[in-house]
Amino acid sequence: MHFELWLVGKTRTSWVRDGQGKYLDRLTRYARHAEVIVPAEKSGDPVQIVNRESERLLLRLKKSDSRYTILLDEHGVLTDSPGLAALIDKARAARGPQLRFIIGGAYGVNSAVRAAVDHQLALSRMTFPHELVRVLFLEQLYRAFTILRGESYHHS
C-alpha cells in the first residue's frame, strides 16, 4: 500500500510537526507514504486565497496519476473509524493500493477541487485549525489500518 498526503502549506507549529511525525512513523508498518506540500497563498481576501490554492491543487491533480483521491473537507461525509477503514478498503479494491489524501489550507478549497476528487470526508462538523486536522486525520488513518489488520489499537 502507498499513499500520498497533500498539504496546502508547510506545517509551522512544532507540536503539530511532532504529532504528524509520530503518526507517519507508525504508518510505515502499513504503507509507504509521500508528503506533497502545495504552496499556501500568502495574502488576499479569503475567496482569493481559496481560489489560488485550489488552482494549484487542480494543476497537480491534472498532472498526476489516477489514484483514488479523498479530500478532507468540512462539507464531506461524516463517518466513524471503522467507516474510514471500510472506505480505504473500498478505494483499494476500486483502484489498487495507491491512495491520495488532500488537506486544504486555512480557508478550505473551492467547488472545482471538490468535484475533481473521488470522495469528500469530514472529520467533524466542528471547525478545526487546518494544521490540527493533519494530526487528527493521521491518527484516524493509523487507526483505520489497525482495524483493517484486526489489531487491538481500536476499541469499539
Protein backbone atom coordinates (compact mmCIF):
# COMPACT_ATOMS: atom_id res chain seq x y z
CA MET A 1 0.00 0.00 0.00
CA HIS A 2 1.15 3.53 -0.76
CA PHE A 3 -0.48 6.86 -0.02
CA GLU A 4 0.25 10.48 -0.72
CA LEU A 5 -0.65 13.18 1.76
CA TRP A 6 -1.14 16.52 0.02
CA LEU A 7 -1.00 19.51 2.35
CA VAL A 8 -1.58 23.15 1.49
CA GLY A 9 1.26 24.99 3.18
CA LYS A 10 4.06 23.80 5.40
CA THR A 11 3.36 22.75 8.95
CA ARG A 12 4.60 25.67 11.00
CA THR A 13 3.65 24.66 14.54
CA SER A 14 6.29 22.48 16.20
CA TRP A 15 3.93 20.31 18.25
CA VAL A 16 1.83 19.66 15.13
CA ARG A 17 5.00 18.63 13.23
CA ASP A 18 5.82 16.30 16.14
CA GLY A 19 2.33 14.75 16.02
CA GLN A 20 2.47 14.34 12.25
CA GLY A 21 5.87 12.69 12.54
CA LYS A 22 4.65 10.33 15.26
CA TYR A 23 1.73 9.01 13.20
CA LEU A 24 3.62 8.97 9.90
CA ASP A 25 6.28 6.83 11.63
CA ARG A 26 3.60 4.47 12.94
CA LEU A 27 2.01 4.27 9.48
CA THR A 28 5.22 2.93 7.92
CA ARG A 29 4.19 -0.50 9.29
CA TYR A 30 1.22 -0.48 6.93
CA ALA A 31 2.05 1.69 3.95
CA ARG A 32 4.72 3.70 2.21
CA HIS A 33 3.87 7.36 2.02
CA ALA A 34 4.91 10.62 0.42
CA GLU A 35 4.12 14.10 1.61
CA VAL A 36 3.37 16.71 -1.06
CA ILE A 37 3.38 20.35 0.03
CA VAL A 38 1.31 22.66 -2.16
CA PRO A 39 2.31 26.30 -1.56
CA ALA A 40 -0.13 28.30 0.54
CA GLU A 41 -1.26 31.72 -0.61
CA LYS A 42 0.37 34.43 1.47
CA SER A 43 -2.13 37.28 1.13
CA GLY A 44 -5.51 38.32 -0.20
CA ASP A 45 -9.07 38.01 0.89
CA PRO A 46 -10.33 34.52 1.82
CA VAL A 47 -12.06 33.96 -1.55
CA GLN A 48 -8.88 34.84 -3.47
CA ILE A 49 -6.80 32.63 -1.19
CA VAL A 50 -9.13 29.64 -1.65
CA ASN A 51 -9.20 30.09 -5.42
CA ARG A 52 -5.42 30.42 -5.81
CA GLU A 53 -4.67 27.44 -3.57
CA SER A 54 -7.37 25.41 -5.32
CA GLU A 55 -5.84 26.27 -8.72
CA ARG A 56 -2.52 24.88 -7.50
CA LEU A 57 -4.19 21.69 -6.30
CA LEU A 58 -6.09 21.25 -9.58
CA LEU A 59 -2.93 21.71 -11.67
CA ARG A 60 -1.21 18.98 -9.66
CA LEU A 61 -4.25 16.71 -9.89
CA LYS A 62 -4.36 17.07 -13.69
CA LYS A 63 -0.67 16.12 -13.94
CA SER A 64 -0.87 13.21 -11.51
CA ASP A 65 -1.90 9.59 -11.84
CA SER A 66 -5.37 8.23 -11.25
CA ARG A 67 -5.02 7.40 -7.55
CA TYR A 68 -8.22 7.25 -5.55
CA THR A 69 -8.33 10.73 -4.05
CA ILE A 70 -10.01 11.64 -0.76
CA LEU A 71 -10.42 15.27 0.22
CA LEU A 72 -10.78 16.19 3.87
CA ASP A 73 -13.44 18.87 3.80
CA GLU A 74 -15.95 20.26 6.26
CA HIS A 75 -18.70 19.60 3.68
CA GLY A 76 -17.71 15.95 3.30
CA VAL A 77 -19.33 12.78 4.51
CA LEU A 78 -19.11 12.03 8.22
CA THR A 79 -18.04 8.54 9.21
CA ASP A 80 -16.65 6.67 12.18
CA SER A 81 -13.27 4.94 12.42
CA PRO A 82 -14.49 1.56 11.09
CA GLY A 83 -16.18 3.51 8.28
CA LEU A 84 -12.86 5.09 7.32
CA ALA A 85 -11.25 1.66 7.30
CA ALA A 86 -14.05 0.41 5.02
CA LEU A 87 -13.58 3.42 2.72
CA ILE A 88 -9.86 2.70 2.41
CA ASP A 89 -10.61 -0.95 1.68
CA LYS A 90 -13.19 0.05 -0.96
CA ALA A 91 -10.78 2.54 -2.56
CA ARG A 92 -8.05 -0.10 -2.68
CA ALA A 93 -10.42 -2.55 -4.35
CA ALA A 94 -11.55 0.06 -6.89
CA ARG A 95 -8.17 1.47 -7.95
CA GLY A 96 -5.41 -0.58 -6.40
CA PRO A 97 -3.09 0.03 -3.48
CA GLN A 98 -2.37 3.73 -4.11
CA LEU A 99 -4.37 6.45 -2.39
CA ARG A 100 -4.17 10.21 -2.09
CA PHE A 101 -5.45 12.36 0.76
CA ILE A 102 -5.76 16.14 0.43
CA ILE A 103 -5.96 18.58 3.33
CA GLY A 104 -6.60 22.14 2.15
CA GLY A 105 -5.45 25.41 3.62
CA ALA A 106 -6.93 27.58 6.34
CA TYR A 107 -9.96 28.54 4.23
CA GLY A 108 -10.50 25.15 2.58
CA VAL A 109 -10.89 24.53 -1.17
CA ASN A 110 -13.34 25.57 -3.86
CA SER A 111 -16.05 23.56 -5.59
CA ALA A 112 -13.77 22.69 -8.53
CA VAL A 113 -11.46 20.73 -6.23
CA ARG A 114 -14.43 19.07 -4.56
CA ALA A 115 -15.67 17.97 -8.00
CA ALA A 116 -12.24 16.63 -9.01
CA VAL A 117 -11.85 14.12 -6.15
CA ASP A 118 -13.36 10.69 -5.65
CA HIS A 119 -14.60 11.20 -2.10
CA GLN A 120 -15.04 14.04 0.39
CA LEU A 121 -14.57 13.16 4.04
CA ALA A 122 -15.36 15.31 7.09
CA LEU A 123 -13.70 14.65 10.42
CA SER A 124 -16.40 16.56 12.24
CA ARG A 125 -18.99 19.28 11.73
CA MET A 126 -16.91 21.38 14.12
CA THR A 127 -14.22 23.66 12.72
CA PHE A 128 -10.57 22.90 13.49
CA PRO A 129 -7.37 24.73 12.58
CA HIS A 130 -6.13 23.18 9.34
CA GLU A 131 -2.80 22.22 10.92
CA LEU A 132 -4.55 20.36 13.75
CA VAL A 133 -6.59 18.44 11.16
CA ARG A 134 -3.31 16.97 9.90
CA VAL A 135 -2.63 15.26 13.23
CA LEU A 136 -6.26 14.24 13.81
CA PHE A 137 -6.50 12.70 10.36
CA LEU A 138 -3.18 10.85 10.57
CA GLU A 139 -4.25 9.32 13.89
CA GLN A 140 -7.51 8.19 12.27
CA LEU A 141 -5.63 6.83 9.26
CA TYR A 142 -3.37 4.86 11.60
CA ARG A 143 -6.45 3.61 13.46
CA ALA A 144 -8.07 2.57 10.14
CA PHE A 145 -5.04 0.49 9.17
CA THR A 146 -5.04 -1.24 12.56
CA ILE A 147 -8.75 -2.01 12.10
CA LEU A 148 -8.07 -3.47 8.65
CA ARG A 149 -5.36 -5.68 10.16
CA GLY A 150 -7.50 -6.76 13.09
CA GLU A 151 -5.11 -5.27 15.62
CA SER A 152 -6.17 -4.13 19.08
CA TYR A 153 -5.46 -0.38 18.87
CA HIS A 154 -9.11 0.47 18.14
CA HIS A 155 -11.53 -0.18 20.99
CA SER A 156 -15.17 -0.32 19.94
